[in-house]
C-alpha atoms as a PDB file:
ATOM      1  CA  MET A   1    -145.451  85.838  26.317  1.00  0.00           C
ATOM      2  CA  LEU A   2    -141.968  87.513  25.151  1.00  0.00           C
ATOM      3  CA  PHE A   3    -139.136  85.126  24.118  1.00  0.00           C
ATOM      4  CA  HIS A   4    -135.391  86.394  24.627  1.00  0.00           C
ATOM      5  CA  GLN A   5    -132.423  85.164  22.530  1.00  0.00           C
ATOM      6  CA  SER A   6    -129.388  85.372  23.819  1.00  0.00           C
ATOM      7  CA  LEU A   7    -126.548  86.881  21.723  1.00  0.00           C
ATOM      8  CA  PRO A   8    -123.535  85.353  20.759  1.00  0.00           C
ATOM      9  CA  LYS A   9    -121.142  86.681  23.287  1.00  0.00           C
ATOM     10  CA  PRO A  10    -118.418  89.184  21.885  1.00  0.00           C
ATOM     11  CA  ASN A  11    -114.873  87.615  21.054  1.00  0.00           C
ATOM     12  CA  PRO A  12    -112.528  89.390  23.709  1.00  0.00           C
ATOM     13  CA  SER A  13    -109.649  88.087  21.161  1.00  0.00           C
ATOM     14  CA  LYS A  14    -109.448  90.660  18.404  1.00  0.00           C
ATOM     15  CA  ALA A  15    -106.476  88.940  17.335  1.00  0.00           C
ATOM     16  CA  PRO A  16    -106.152  86.793  13.794  1.00  0.00           C
ATOM     17  CA  PRO A  17    -106.171  82.986  14.271  1.00  0.00           C
ATOM     18  CA  ALA A  18    -102.726  82.076  13.599  1.00  0.00           C
ATOM     19  CA  PHE A  19    -103.239  79.367  11.067  1.00  0.00           C
ATOM     20  CA  TYR A  20    -105.916  78.816   8.743  1.00  0.00           C
ATOM     21  CA  ARG A  21    -107.338  75.979   7.747  1.00  0.00           C
ATOM     22  CA  LEU A  22    -108.299  74.525   4.228  1.00  0.00           C
ATOM     23  CA  ARG A  23    -111.427  75.498   4.604  1.00  0.00           C
ATOM     24  CA  ASP A  24    -110.983  78.645   6.030  1.00  0.00           C
ATOM     25  CA  VAL A  25    -108.377  79.729   3.166  1.00  0.00           C
ATOM     26  CA  MET A  26    -111.109  78.432   0.368  1.00  0.00           C
ATOM     27  CA  ARG A  27    -114.175  81.439   2.363  1.00  0.00           C
ATOM     28  CA  ILE A  28    -111.115  83.825   2.370  1.00  0.00           C
ATOM     29  CA  THR A  29    -109.742  83.542  -1.060  1.00  0.00           C
ATOM     30  CA  ALA A  30    -112.456  82.402  -2.835  1.00  0.00           C
ATOM     31  CA  LEU A  31    -110.605  79.854  -4.288  1.00  0.00           C
ATOM     32  CA  SER A  32    -111.717  75.984  -4.943  1.00  0.00           C
ATOM     33  CA  ARG A  33    -109.395  73.351  -3.718  1.00  0.00           C
ATOM     34  CA  SER A  34    -107.856  72.300  -6.820  1.00  0.00           C
ATOM     35  CA  THR A  35    -107.198  75.751  -7.754  1.00  0.00           C
ATOM     36  CA  VAL A  36    -105.149  76.612  -4.796  1.00  0.00           C
ATOM     37  CA  TYR A  37    -103.041  72.803  -4.495  1.00  0.00           C
ATOM     38  CA  ARG A  38    -102.304  74.009  -8.397  1.00  0.00           C
ATOM     39  CA  ARG A  39    -100.825  77.761  -7.311  1.00  0.00           C
ATOM     40  CA  ILE A  40     -99.109  75.810  -4.404  1.00  0.00           C
ATOM     41  CA  ALA A  41     -97.776  73.447  -7.326  1.00  0.00           C
ATOM     42  CA  GLU A  42     -96.652  76.871  -9.430  1.00  0.00           C
ATOM     43  CA  GLY A  43     -95.288  78.540  -6.293  1.00  0.00           C
ATOM     44  CA  ARG A  44     -98.316  81.156  -6.301  1.00  0.00           C
ATOM     45  CA  PHE A  45     -99.684  80.426  -3.696  1.00  0.00           C
ATOM     46  CA  PRO A  46     -98.378  79.880   0.406  1.00  0.00           C
ATOM     47  CA  GLU A  47     -97.705  76.202   0.797  1.00  0.00           C
ATOM     48  CA  PRO A  48     -99.217  74.885   4.119  1.00  0.00           C
ATOM     49  CA  VAL A  49     -97.239  73.866   7.180  1.00  0.00           C
ATOM     50  CA  HIS A  50     -98.221  70.396   8.958  1.00  0.00           C
ATOM     51  CA  LEU A  51     -99.472  70.657  12.679  1.00  0.00           C
ATOM     52  CA  GLY A  52     -98.823  67.090  13.159  1.00  0.00           C
ATOM     53  CA  GLY A  53    -100.775  63.976  11.915  1.00  0.00           C
ATOM     54  CA  ARG A  54    -102.462  64.692   8.964  1.00  0.00           C
ATOM     55  CA  ALA A  55    -103.311  68.223   9.961  1.00  0.00           C
ATOM     56  CA  SER A  56    -102.353  71.186   8.093  1.00  0.00           C
ATOM     57  CA  ALA A  57    -102.881  74.760   7.593  1.00  0.00           C
ATOM     58  CA  TRP A  58    -101.508  78.217   6.426  1.00  0.00           C
ATOM     59  CA  PRO A  59     -99.312  80.824   8.485  1.00  0.00           C
ATOM     60  CA  SER A  60    -101.973  83.672   8.631  1.00  0.00           C
ATOM     61  CA  ALA A  61     -98.947  86.150   7.735  1.00  0.00           C
ATOM     62  CA  ALA A  62     -98.114  83.514   4.578  1.00  0.00           C
ATOM     63  CA  LEU A  63    -102.268  83.977   3.590  1.00  0.00           C
ATOM     64  CA  GLN A  64    -102.210  87.942   4.433  1.00  0.00           C
ATOM     65  CA  ALA A  65     -98.801  88.353   1.813  1.00  0.00           C
ATOM     66  CA  TRP A  66    -100.889  86.628  -0.831  1.00  0.00           C
ATOM     67  CA  ILE A  67    -104.030  88.539  -0.106  1.00  0.00           C
ATOM     68  CA  ASP A  68    -102.150  91.943  -0.553  1.00  0.00           C
ATOM     69  CA  ASP A  69    -100.788  90.930  -3.708  1.00  0.00           C
ATOM     70  CA  PRO A  70    -102.618  87.679  -5.167  1.00  0.00           C
ATOM     71  CA  GLU A  71    -101.177  88.470  -8.662  1.00  0.00           C
ATOM     72  CA  GLY A  72     -97.800  89.627  -8.115  1.00  0.00           C
ATOM     73  CA  TYR A  73     -96.870  86.710  -5.274  1.00  0.00           C
ATOM     74  CA  ARG A  74     -94.178  84.265  -5.494  1.00  0.00           C
ATOM     75  CA  ARG A  75     -93.086  81.571  -3.037  1.00  0.00           C
ATOM     76  CA  ALA A  76     -89.312  82.106  -2.308  1.00  0.00           C
ATOM     77  CA  MET A  77     -87.832  78.995  -3.833  1.00  0.00           C
ATOM     78  CA  PRO A  78     -85.506  77.462  -1.046  1.00  0.00           C
ATOM     79  CA  GLN A  79     -81.653  77.703  -2.427  1.00  0.00           C
ATOM     80  CA  PRO A  80     -79.573  75.075  -3.464  1.00  0.00           C
END
C-alpha cells in the first residue's frame, strides 16, 4: 500500500513580513535575547515598536538595515 504525504502548499506571497517578533529576530540574527536588548540600550540595534498590549516587534526595514551593516549600525538618536 502506498501512502501519499501532502506537501506544504507554496506561499503565494513572497513578500517578507512587515514585522518580526523577538523569536524570529533571535533566529535571524543569531543573537541571544540579552544581547539584543543590550545592543538596543547601546544604540547598536533597532528598537522594537509596540503593536498593542504587550506585543512588540521589529519593522522589517529596520532589521534589514542592521543586517546590511551590523558593526556600523547606529540608531538615530532623537534631537532635543
